[in-house]
Structure formats: structure tokens, C-alpha cells
Amino acid sequence: MGFKGLGYFLITLCFFINNATAQRIETNFNNNWHFILKDDAAFSSEHFDDSTWEMLNVPHDWSFEKGVRDGGDQGQGGGYHDGGIGWYRKYFDVKKKVFLK
């Protein structure tokens, strides 16, 4: 391969590399999560209807959902956030190779 052939090869290679990286799509995965502050074994089912759940973005601190209880256990009239179990669900399509970071 001569100098001219090597030049064409490098130009073609750069073109293909550029096109491969140009198709990369970054999506903010933090948006549009379904959330409920309850627990039920049915929530883990793939086809569970969560249409009544709250829609929110993460990060989200579900311990604040119930608010602060007056006269909390630590005394001195303070409050604390009640515990519990919360569920988050997210739907997305995977059409190509996906990387989460």
C-alpha cells in the first residue's frame, strides 16, 4: 500500500470512527420514576399496574414523604421522620448496547 492508499485508508477509518461515536445518545436516567411508599409482594411483578403511583425524579428521599412527627422518640419535643418501605420503578427501552453510569 502506497502513501496515497494509506491516506485514503486513514480518512475512511476516521469517517467510520466518527459515525460510530456520533450515534451515541445520552439520556438522563433520573427522570420519570414511579414511586409508592408502601410494601406489597405484588409490586415486584413485571406486569404490575403502577399507574396510580407518584411520578418523580431521583434523587428522592422518600423518608420525607410522611413529614416530621411531633414529639419524636429522641425527646425534647423534637421530631423525626418515620420509616417504612418505598418502591421505585422505571421503564425504558433497550434497543442497543446500554451503559449506565
PDB file of N, CA and C in Angstrom:
ATOM      1  N   MET A   1       0.853  -1.163   0.000  1.00  0.00           N
ATOM      2  CA  MET A   1       0.000   0.000   0.000  1.00  0.00           C
ATOM      3  C   MET A   1       0.895   1.221   0.000  1.00  0.00           C
ATOM      4  N   GLY A   2       0.687   2.088  -0.983  1.00  0.00           N
ATOM      5  CA  GLY A   2       1.481   3.288  -1.098  1.00  0.00           C
ATOM      6  C   GLY A   2       1.006   4.366  -0.132  1.00  0.00           C
ATOM      7  N   PHE A   3       1.713   5.489  -0.185  1.00  0.00           N
ATOM      8  CA  PHE A   3       1.377   6.618   0.672  1.00  0.00           C
ATOM      9  C   PHE A   3      -0.041   7.106   0.403  1.00  0.00           C
ATOM     10  N   LYS A   4      -0.443   7.162  -0.876  1.00  0.00           N
ATOM     11  CA  LYS A   4      -1.770   7.611  -1.255  1.00  0.00           C
ATOM     12  C   LYS A   4      -2.837   6.634  -0.723  1.00  0.00           C
ATOM     13  N   GLY A   5      -2.578   5.335  -0.854  1.00  0.00           N
ATOM     14  CA  GLY A   5      -3.521   4.322  -0.352  1.00  0.00           C
ATOM     15  C   GLY A   5      -3.666   4.388   1.164  1.00  0.00           C
ATOM     16  N   LEU A   6      -2.547   4.623   1.855  1.00  0.00           N
ATOM     17  CA  LEU A   6      -2.580   4.757   3.305  1.00  0.00           C
ATOM     18  C   LEU A   6      -3.391   5.987   3.714  1.00  0.00           C
ATOM     19  N   GLY A   7      -3.274   7.045   2.981  1.00  0.00           N
ATOM     20  CA  GLY A   7      -4.043   8.269   3.261  1.00  0.00           C
ATOM     21  C   GLY A   7      -5.536   8.016   3.128  1.00  0.00           C
ATOM     22  N   TYR A   8      -5.941   7.341   2.023  1.00  0.00           N
ATOM     23  CA  TYR A   8      -7.360   7.021   1.839  1.00  0.00           C
ATOM     24  C   TYR A   8      -7.862   6.111   2.969  1.00  0.00           C
ATOM     25  N   PHE A   9      -7.028   5.156   3.352  1.00  0.00           N
ATOM     26  CA  PHE A   9      -7.408   4.243   4.427  1.00  0.00           C
ATOM     27  C   PHE A   9      -7.633   5.005   5.730  1.00  0.00           C
ATOM     28  N   LEU A  10      -6.724   5.899   6.088  1.00  0.00           N
ATOM     29  CA  LEU A  10      -6.856   6.660   7.333  1.00  0.00           C
ATOM     30  C   LEU A  10      -8.074   7.582   7.308  1.00  0.00           C
ATOM     31  N   ILE A  11      -8.340   8.209   6.178  1.00  0.00           N
ATOM     32  CA  ILE A  11      -9.520   9.073   6.050  1.00  0.00           C
ATOM     33  C   ILE A  11     -10.796   8.244   6.213  1.00  0.00           C
ATOM     34  N   THR A  12     -10.835   7.074   5.565  1.00  0.00           N
ATOM     35  CA  THR A  12     -12.003   6.198   5.672  1.00  0.00           C
ATOM     36  C   THR A  12     -12.174   5.714   7.111  1.00  0.00           C
ATOM     37  N   LEU A  13     -11.086   5.341   7.753  1.00  0.00           N
ATOM     38  CA  LEU A  13     -11.136   4.889   9.137  1.00  0.00           C
ATOM     39  C   LEU A  13     -11.663   5.990  10.053  1.00  0.00           C
ATOM     40  N   CYS A  14     -11.188   7.197   9.891  1.00  0.00           N
ATOM     41  CA  CYS A  14     -11.674   8.333  10.698  1.00  0.00           C
ATOM     42  C   CYS A  14     -13.161   8.570  10.460  1.00  0.00           C
ATOM     43  N   PHE A  15     -13.617   8.435   9.241  1.00  0.00           N
ATOM     44  CA  PHE A  15     -15.031   8.619   8.910  1.00  0.00           C
ATOM     45  C   PHE A  15     -15.890   7.599   9.660  1.00  0.00           C
ATOM     46  N   PHE A  16     -15.481   6.327   9.646  1.00  0.00           N
ATOM     47  CA  PHE A  16     -16.252   5.297  10.328  1.00  0.00           C
ATOM     48  C   PHE A  16     -16.217   5.459  11.845  1.00  0.00           C
ATOM     49  N   ILE A  17     -15.095   5.833  12.393  1.00  0.00           N
ATOM     50  CA  ILE A  17     -14.998   6.054  13.839  1.00  0.00           C
ATOM     51  C   ILE A  17     -15.894   7.216  14.249  1.00  0.00           C
ATOM     52  N   ASN A  18     -15.879   8.283  13.471  1.00  0.00           N
ATOM     53  CA  ASN A  18     -16.705   9.451  13.771  1.00  0.00           C
ATOM     54  C   ASN A  18     -18.187   9.091  13.719  1.00  0.00           C
ATOM     55  N   ASN A  19     -18.604   8.330  12.723  1.00  0.00           N
ATOM     56  CA  ASN A  19     -20.008   7.940  12.607  1.00  0.00           C
ATOM     57  C   ASN A  19     -20.424   7.015  13.748  1.00  0.00           C
ATOM     58  N   ALA A  20     -19.551   6.147  14.195  1.00  0.00           N
ATOM     59  CA  ALA A  20     -19.887   5.220  15.276  1.00  0.00           C
ATOM     60  C   ALA A  20     -20.119   5.969  16.582  1.00  0.00           C
ATOM     61  N   THR A  21     -19.295   6.964  16.868  1.00  0.00           N
ATOM     62  CA  THR A  21     -19.460   7.719  18.113  1.00  0.00           C
ATOM     63  C   THR A  21     -20.556   8.766  17.994  1.00  0.00           C
ATOM     64  N   ALA A  22     -20.901   9.199  16.800  1.00  0.00           N
ATOM     65  CA  ALA A  22     -21.944  10.210  16.618  1.00  0.00           C
ATOM     66  C   ALA A  22     -23.325   9.647  16.938  1.00  0.00           C
ATOM     67  N   GLN A  23     -23.486   8.343  16.949  1.00  0.00           N
ATOM     68  CA  GLN A  23     -24.784   7.736  17.214  1.00  0.00           C
ATOM     69  C   GLN A  23     -25.033   7.535  18.709  1.00  0.00           C
ATOM     70  N   ARG A  24     -24.105   7.918  19.511  1.00  0.00           N
ATOM     71  CA  ARG A  24     -24.250   7.776  20.958  1.00  0.00           C
ATOM     72  C   ARG A  24     -25.309   8.753  21.452  1.00  0.00           C
ATOM     73  N   ILE A  25     -26.236   8.247  22.265  1.00  0.00           N
ATOM     74  CA  ILE A  25     -27.296   9.078  22.824  1.00  0.00           C
ATOM     75  C   ILE A  25     -27.198   9.003  24.337  1.00  0.00           C
ATOM     76  N   GLU A  26     -27.118  10.147  24.980  1.00  0.00           N
ATOM     77  CA  GLU A  26     -27.101  10.193  26.433  1.00  0.00           C
ATOM     78  C   GLU A  26     -28.477  10.609  26.922  1.00  0.00           C
ATOM     79  N   THR A  27     -28.997   9.872  27.882  1.00  0.00           N
ATOM     80  CA  THR A  27     -30.309  10.135  28.435  1.00  0.00           C
ATOM     81  C   THR A  27     -30.196  10.276  29.943  1.00  0.00           C
ATOM     82  N   ASN A  28     -30.866  11.270  30.489  1.00  0.00           N
ATOM     83  CA  ASN A  28     -30.878  11.433  31.934  1.00  0.00           C
ATOM     84  C   ASN A  28     -31.798  10.371  32.522  1.00  0.00           C
ATOM     85  N   PHE A  29     -31.228   9.400  33.192  1.00  0.00           N
ATOM     86  CA  PHE A  29     -31.966   8.263  33.735  1.00  0.00           C
ATOM     87  C   PHE A  29     -32.685   8.626  35.039  1.00  0.00           C
ATOM     88  N   ASN A  30     -32.451   9.813  35.558  1.00  0.00           N
ATOM     89  CA  ASN A  30     -33.029  10.225  36.834  1.00  0.00           C
ATOM     90  C   ASN A  30     -34.491  10.640  36.727  1.00  0.00           C
ATOM     91  N   ASN A  31     -34.995  10.863  35.535  1.00  0.00           N
ATOM     92  CA  ASN A  31     -36.342  11.378  35.364  1.00  0.00           C
ATOM     93  C   ASN A  31     -37.373  10.265  35.200  1.00  0.00           C
ATOM     94  N   ASN A  32     -38.609  10.578  35.593  1.00  0.00           N
ATOM     95  CA  ASN A  32     -39.786   9.741  35.339  1.00  0.00           C
ATOM     96  C   ASN A  32     -39.748   8.378  36.013  1.00  0.00           C
ATOM     97  N   TRP A  33     -39.558   8.377  37.297  1.00  0.00           N
ATOM     98  CA  TRP A  33     -39.646   7.167  38.103  1.00  0.00           C
ATOM     99  C   TRP A  33     -41.031   7.085  38.730  1.00  0.00           C
ATOM    100  N   HIS A  34     -41.545   5.886  38.893  1.00  0.00           N
ATOM    101  CA  HIS A  34     -42.788   5.640  39.622  1.00  0.00           C
ATOM    102  C   HIS A  34     -42.397   5.331  41.067  1.00  0.00           C
ATOM    103  N   PHE A  35     -43.188   5.843  42.016  1.00  0.00           N
ATOM    104  CA  PHE A  35     -42.851   5.655  43.430  1.00  0.00           C
ATOM    105  C   PHE A  35     -44.114   5.452  44.256  1.00  0.00           C
ATOM    106  N   ILE A  36     -44.005   4.575  45.264  1.00  0.00           N
ATOM    107  CA  ILE A  36     -45.067   4.415  46.256  1.00  0.00           C
ATOM    108  C   ILE A  36     -44.411   4.108  47.595  1.00  0.00           C
ATOM    109  N   LEU A  37     -44.960   4.710  48.648  1.00  0.00           N
ATOM    110  CA  LEU A  37     -44.447   4.485  49.993  1.00  0.00           C
ATOM    111  C   LEU A  37     -45.352   3.464  50.681  1.00  0.00           C
ATOM    112  N   LYS A  38     -45.259   2.249  50.228  1.00  0.00           N
ATOM    113  CA  LYS A  38     -45.979   1.090  50.760  1.00  0.00           C
ATOM    114  C   LYS A  38     -45.159  -0.137  50.408  1.00  0.00           C
ATOM    115  N   ASP A  39     -45.606  -1.289  50.899  1.00  0.00           N
ATOM    116  CA  ASP A  39     -44.943  -2.532  50.534  1.00  0.00           C
ATOM    117  C   ASP A  39     -45.986  -3.591  50.237  1.00  0.00           C
ATOM    118  N   ASP A  40     -45.759  -4.307  49.163  1.00  0.00           N
ATOM    119  CA  ASP A  40     -46.638  -5.402  48.769  1.00  0.00           C
ATOM    120  C   ASP A  40     -45.802  -6.314  47.868  1.00  0.00           C
ATOM    121  N   ALA A  41     -45.885  -7.613  48.092  1.00  0.00           N
ATOM    122  CA  ALA A  41     -45.108  -8.558  47.282  1.00  0.00           C
ATOM    123  C   ALA A  41     -45.462  -8.452  45.803  1.00  0.00           C
ATOM    124  N   ALA A  42     -46.676  -8.020  45.488  1.00  0.00           N
ATOM    125  CA  ALA A  42     -47.109  -7.898  44.096  1.00  0.00           C
ATOM    126  C   ALA A  42     -46.349  -6.803  43.346  1.00  0.00           C
ATOM    127  N   PHE A  43     -45.753  -5.855  44.064  1.00  0.00           N
ATOM    128  CA  PHE A  43     -45.036  -4.755  43.417  1.00  0.00           C
ATOM    129  C   PHE A  43     -43.857  -5.245  42.573  1.00  0.00           C
ATOM    130  N   SER A  44     -43.322  -6.403  42.864  1.00  0.00           N
ATOM    131  CA  SER A  44     -42.167  -6.908  42.125  1.00  0.00           C
ATOM    132  C   SER A  44     -42.555  -7.608  40.823  1.00  0.00           C
ATOM    133  N   SER A  45     -43.843  -7.768  40.578  1.00  0.00           N
ATOM    134  CA  SER A  45     -44.303  -8.414  39.351  1.00  0.00           C
ATOM    135  C   SER A  45     -44.018  -7.522  38.141  1.00  0.00           C
ATOM    136  N   GLU A  46     -43.529  -8.134  37.081  1.00  0.00           N
ATOM    137  CA  GLU A  46     -43.182  -7.376  35.870  1.00  0.00           C
ATOM    138  C   GLU A  46     -44.378  -6.629  35.300  1.00  0.00           C
ATOM    139  N   HIS A  47     -45.568  -7.191  35.388  1.00  0.00           N
ATOM    140  CA  HIS A  47     -46.752  -6.596  34.763  1.00  0.00           C
ATOM    141  C   HIS A  47     -47.675  -5.923  35.780  1.00  0.00           C
ATOM    142  N   PHE A  48     -47.152  -5.548  36.925  1.00  0.00           N
ATOM    143  CA  PHE A  48     -47.948  -4.875  37.944  1.00  0.00           C
ATOM    144  C   PHE A  48     -48.368  -3.496  37.438  1.00  0.00           C
ATOM    145  N   ASP A  49     -49.612  -3.119  37.664  1.00  0.00           N
ATOM    146  CA  ASP A  49     -50.126  -1.811  37.236  1.00  0.00           C
ATOM    147  C   ASP A  49     -49.764  -0.753  38.276  1.00  0.00           C
ATOM    148  N   ASP A  50     -48.769   0.061  37.967  1.00  0.00           N
ATOM    149  CA  ASP A  50     -48.337   1.112  38.882  1.00  0.00           C
ATOM    150  C   ASP A  50     -48.790   2.498  38.414  1.00  0.00           C
ATOM    151  N   SER A  51     -49.846   2.557  37.636  1.00  0.00           N
ATOM    152  CA  SER A  51     -50.311   3.826  37.064  1.00  0.00           C
ATOM    153  C   SER A  51     -50.780   4.823  38.120  1.00  0.00           C
ATOM    154  N   THR A  52     -51.127   4.358  39.304  1.00  0.00           N
ATOM    155  CA  THR A  52     -51.566   5.270  40.365  1.00  0.00           C
ATOM    156  C   THR A  52     -50.411   5.757  41.232  1.00  0.00           C
ATOM    157  N   TRP A  53     -49.219   5.242  40.995  1.00  0.00           N
ATOM    158  CA  TRP A  53     -48.067   5.649  41.785  1.00  0.00           C
ATOM    159  C   TRP A  53     -47.661   7.069  41.415  1.00  0.00           C
ATOM    160  N   GLU A  54     -46.982   7.720  42.340  1.00  0.00           N
ATOM    161  CA  GLU A  54     -46.470   9.067  42.116  1.00  0.00           C
ATOM    162  C   GLU A  54     -45.336   9.030  41.098  1.00  0.00           C
ATOM    163  N   MET A  55     -45.303  10.028  40.204  1.00  0.00           N
ATOM    164  CA  MET A  55     -44.187  10.175  39.260  1.00  0.00           C
ATOM    165  C   MET A  55     -43.226  11.207  39.839  1.00  0.00           C
ATOM    166  N   LEU A  56     -41.939  10.878  39.845  1.00  0.00           N
ATOM    167  CA  LEU A  56     -40.952  11.802  40.391  1.00  0.00           C
ATOM    168  C   LEU A  56     -39.606  11.582  39.741  1.00  0.00           C
ATOM    169  N   ASN A  57     -38.685  12.464  40.071  1.00  0.00           N
ATOM    170  CA  ASN A  57     -37.306  12.356  39.602  1.00  0.00           C
ATOM    171  C   ASN A  57     -36.427  11.992  40.793  1.00  0.00           C
ATOM    172  N   VAL A  58     -35.376  11.260  40.542  1.00  0.00           N
ATOM    173  CA  VAL A  58     -34.411  10.930  41.582  1.00  0.00           C
ATOM    174  C   VAL A  58     -33.168  11.786  41.370  1.00  0.00           C
ATOM    175  N   PRO A  59     -32.402  12.095  42.391  1.00  0.00           N
ATOM    176  CA  PRO A  59     -32.507  11.564  43.735  1.00  0.00           C
ATOM    177  C   PRO A  59     -33.759  12.075  44.453  1.00  0.00           C
ATOM    178  N   HIS A  60     -34.293  11.218  45.298  1.00  0.00           N
ATOM    179  CA  HIS A  60     -35.520  11.491  46.045  1.00  0.00           C
ATOM    180  C   HIS A  60     -35.387  10.822  47.394  1.00  0.00           C
ATOM    181  N   ASP A  61     -35.728  11.522  48.443  1.00  0.00           N
ATOM    182  CA  ASP A  61     -35.640  10.957  49.787  1.00  0.00           C
ATOM    183  C   ASP A  61     -37.043  10.664  50.282  1.00  0.00           C
ATOM    184  N   TRP A  62     -37.467   9.413  50.137  1.00  0.00           N
ATOM    185  CA  TRP A  62     -38.834   9.064  50.467  1.00  0.00           C
ATOM    186  C   TRP A  62     -39.142   9.155  51.945  1.00  0.00           C
ATOM    187  N   SER A  63     -38.126   9.215  52.797  1.00  0.00           N
ATOM    188  CA  SER A  63     -38.390   9.310  54.234  1.00  0.00           C
ATOM    189  C   SER A  63     -39.076  10.621  54.599  1.00  0.00           C
ATOM    190  N   PHE A  64     -39.045  11.608  53.702  1.00  0.00           N
ATOM    191  CA  PHE A  64     -39.705  12.884  53.943  1.00  0.00           C
ATOM    192  C   PHE A  64     -41.163  12.882  53.495  1.00  0.00           C
ATOM    193  N   GLU A  65     -41.629  11.812  52.860  1.00  0.00           N
ATOM    194  CA  GLU A  65     -42.996  11.750  52.347  1.00  0.00           C
ATOM    195  C   GLU A  65     -44.040  11.919  53.457  1.00  0.00           C
ATOM    196  N   LYS A  66     -43.815  11.320  54.620  1.00  0.00           N
ATOM    197  CA  LYS A  66     -44.787  11.386  55.715  1.00  0.00           C
ATOM    198  C   LYS A  66     -44.640  12.646  56.556  1.00  0.00           C
ATOM    199  N   GLY A  67     -43.543  13.365  56.393  1.00  0.00           N
ATOM    200  CA  GLY A  67     -43.301  14.547  57.211  1.00  0.00           C
ATOM    201  C   GLY A  67     -42.702  14.179  58.558  1.00  0.00           C
ATOM    202  N   VAL A  68     -42.503  15.189  59.386  1.00  0.00           N
ATOM    203  CA  VAL A  68     -41.879  15.013  60.691  1.00  0.00           C
ATOM    204  C   VAL A  68     -42.966  14.794  61.733  1.00  0.00           C
ATOM    205  N   ARG A  69     -42.767  13.807  62.581  1.00  0.00           N
ATOM    206  CA  ARG A  69     -43.715  13.519  63.655  1.00  0.00           C
ATOM    207  C   ARG A  69     -43.350  14.338  64.881  1.00  0.00           C
ATOM    208  N   ASP A  70     -44.322  15.062  65.423  1.00  0.00           N
ATOM    209  CA  ASP A  70     -44.082  15.860  66.628  1.00  0.00           C
ATOM    210  C   ASP A  70     -43.797  14.956  67.810  1.00  0.00           C
ATOM    211  N   GLY A  71     -42.966  15.433  68.738  1.00  0.00           N
ATOM    212  CA  GLY A  71     -42.654  14.680  69.947  1.00  0.00           C
ATOM    213  C   GLY A  71     -41.945  13.386  69.655  1.00  0.00           C
ATOM    214  N   GLY A  72     -40.979  13.446  68.796  1.00  0.00           N
ATOM    215  CA  GLY A  72     -40.259  12.244  68.386  1.00  0.00           C
ATOM    216  C   GLY A  72     -39.608  11.513  69.537  1.00  0.00           C
ATOM    217  N   ASP A  73     -39.153  10.325  69.273  1.00  0.00           N
ATOM    218  CA  ASP A  73     -38.596   9.444  70.295  1.00  0.00           C
ATOM    219  C   ASP A  73     -37.320   9.984  70.940  1.00  0.00           C
ATOM    220  N   GLN A  74     -36.649  10.904  70.298  1.00  0.00           N
ATOM    221  CA  GLN A  74     -35.396  11.394  70.884  1.00  0.00           C
ATOM    222  C   GLN A  74     -35.642  12.399  72.001  1.00  0.00           C
ATOM    223  N   GLY A  75     -36.913  12.740  72.271  1.00  0.00           N
ATOM    224  CA  GLY A  75     -37.232  13.619  73.396  1.00  0.00           C
ATOM    225  C   GLY A  75     -37.057  15.086  73.062  1.00  0.00           C
ATOM    226  N   GLN A  76     -37.205  15.914  74.057  1.00  0.00           N
ATOM    227  CA  GLN A  76     -37.052  17.359  73.959  1.00  0.00           C
ATOM    228  C   GLN A  76     -37.986  17.974  72.914  1.00  0.00           C
ATOM    229  N   GLY A  77     -39.118  17.311  72.650  1.00  0.00           N
ATOM    230  CA  GLY A  77     -40.106  17.889  71.743  1.00  0.00           C
ATOM    231  C   GLY A  77     -39.712  17.851  70.284  1.00  0.00           C
ATOM    232  N   GLY A  78     -38.624  17.182  69.954  1.00  0.00           N
ATOM    233  CA  GLY A  78     -38.182  17.122  68.564  1.00  0.00           C
ATOM    234  C   GLY A  78     -39.002  16.141  67.760  1.00  0.00           C
ATOM    235  N   GLY A  79     -38.798  16.125  66.497  1.00  0.00           N
ATOM    236  CA  GLY A  79     -39.499  15.193  65.628  1.00  0.00           C
ATOM    237  C   GLY A  79     -38.513  14.331  64.869  1.00  0.00           C
ATOM    238  N   TYR A  80     -39.022  13.337  64.195  1.00  0.00           N
ATOM    239  CA  TYR A  80     -38.165  12.521  63.344  1.00  0.00           C
ATOM    240  C   TYR A  80     -38.997  12.011  62.181  1.00  0.00           C
ATOM    241  N   HIS A  81     -38.355  11.526  61.195  1.00  0.00           N
ATOM    242  CA  HIS A  81     -39.028  11.004  60.007  1.00  0.00           C
ATOM    243  C   HIS A  81     -39.293   9.520  60.203  1.00  0.00           C
ATOM    244  N   ASP A  82     -40.559   9.137  60.029  1.00  0.00           N
ATOM    245  CA  ASP A  82     -40.931   7.729  60.173  1.00  0.00           C
ATOM    246  C   ASP A  82     -40.238   6.882  59.117  1.00  0.00           C
ATOM    247  N   GLY A  83     -40.076   5.615  59.434  1.00  0.00           N
ATOM    248  CA  GLY A  83     -39.501   4.667  58.493  1.00  0.00           C
ATOM    249  C   GLY A  83     -40.576   4.039  57.620  1.00  0.00           C
ATOM    250  N   GLY A  84     -40.231   2.989  56.968  1.00  0.00           N
ATOM    251  CA  GLY A  84     -41.159   2.294  56.100  1.00  0.00           C
ATOM    252  C   GLY A  84     -40.431   1.743  54.894  1.00  0.00           C
ATOM    253  N   ILE A  85     -41.198   1.211  53.969  1.00  0.00           N
ATOM    254  CA  ILE A  85     -40.627   0.657  52.739  1.00  0.00           C
ATOM    255  C   ILE A  85     -41.230   1.394  51.555  1.00  0.00           C
ATOM    256  N   GLY A  86     -40.385   1.831  50.663  1.00  0.00           N
ATOM    257  CA  GLY A  86     -40.825   2.504  49.443  1.00  0.00           C
ATOM    258  C   GLY A  86     -40.344   1.743  48.224  1.00  0.00           C
ATOM    259  N   TRP A  87     -41.125   1.783  47.164  1.00  0.00           N
ATOM    260  CA  TRP A  87     -40.777   1.119  45.904  1.00  0.00           C
ATOM    261  C   TRP A  87     -40.607   2.153  44.804  1.00  0.00           C
ATOM    262  N   TYR A  88     -39.577   1.955  43.982  1.00  0.00           N
ATOM    263  CA  TYR A  88     -39.331   2.761  42.787  1.00  0.00           C
ATOM    264  C   TYR A  88     -39.381   1.836  41.577  1.00  0.00           C
ATOM    265  N   ARG A  89     -39.976   2.320  40.496  1.00  0.00           N
ATOM    266  CA  ARG A  89     -39.996   1.564  39.236  1.00  0.00           C
ATOM    267  C   ARG A  89     -39.665   2.512  38.094  1.00  0.00           C
ATOM    268  N   LYS A  90     -38.969   1.978  37.106  1.00  0.00           N
ATOM    269  CA  LYS A  90     -38.558   2.772  35.936  1.00  0.00           C
ATOM    270  C   LYS A  90     -38.743   1.935  34.691  1.00  0.00           C
ATOM    271  N   TYR A  91     -39.296   2.539  33.648  1.00  0.00           N
ATOM    272  CA  TYR A  91     -39.482   1.867  32.363  1.00  0.00           C
ATOM    273  C   TYR A  91     -38.592   2.534  31.321  1.00  0.00           C
ATOM    274  N   PHE A  92     -37.933   1.707  30.506  1.00  0.00           N
ATOM    275  CA  PHE A  92     -37.108   2.244  29.425  1.00  0.00           C
ATOM    276  C   PHE A  92     -36.903   1.151  28.383  1.00  0.00           C
ATOM    277  N   ASP A  93     -36.675   1.567  27.154  1.00  0.00           N
ATOM    278  CA  ASP A  93     -36.430   0.648  26.050  1.00  0.00           C
ATOM    279  C   ASP A  93     -34.932   0.476  25.850  1.00  0.00           C
ATOM    280  N   VAL A  94     -34.534  -0.748  25.600  1.00  0.00           N
ATOM    281  CA  VAL A  94     -33.137  -1.037  25.293  1.00  0.00           C
ATOM    282  C   VAL A  94     -33.101  -1.551  23.863  1.00  0.00           C
ATOM    283  N   LYS A  95     -32.627  -0.702  22.958  1.00  0.00           N
ATOM    284  CA  LYS A  95     -32.567  -1.072  21.539  1.00  0.00           C
ATOM    285  C   LYS A  95     -31.145  -1.368  21.094  1.00  0.00           C
ATOM    286  N   LYS A  96     -30.191  -0.853  21.849  1.00  0.00           N
ATOM    287  CA  LYS A  96     -28.782  -1.051  21.523  1.00  0.00           C
ATOM    288  C   LYS A  96     -28.037  -1.308  22.815  1.00  0.00           C
ATOM    289  N   LYS A  97     -26.749  -1.359  22.714  1.00  0.00           N
ATOM    290  CA  LYS A  97     -25.905  -1.544  23.903  1.00  0.00           C
ATOM    291  C   LYS A  97     -26.106  -0.344  24.818  1.00  0.00           C
ATOM    292  N   VAL A  98     -26.305  -0.614  26.112  1.00  0.00           N
ATOM    293  CA  VAL A  98     -26.595   0.436  27.082  1.00  0.00           C
ATOM    294  C   VAL A  98     -25.527   0.432  28.171  1.00  0.00           C
ATOM    295  N   PHE A  99     -25.058   1.596  28.524  1.00  0.00           N
ATOM    296  CA  PHE A  99     -24.115   1.767  29.630  1.00  0.00           C
ATOM    297  C   PHE A  99     -24.750   2.703  30.643  1.00  0.00           C
ATOM    298  N   LEU A 100     -24.797   2.280  31.893  1.00  0.00           N
ATOM    299  CA  LEU A 100     -25.302   3.136  32.958  1.00  0.00           C
ATOM    300  C   LEU A 100     -24.122   3.626  33.762  1.00  0.00           C
ATOM    301  N   LYS A 101     -24.133   4.910  34.086  1.00  0.00           N
ATOM    302  CA  LYS A 101     -23.043   5.435  34.906  1.00  0.00           C
ATOM    303  C   LYS A 101     -23.577   6.340  35.965  1.00  0.00           C
TER     304      LYS A 101
END
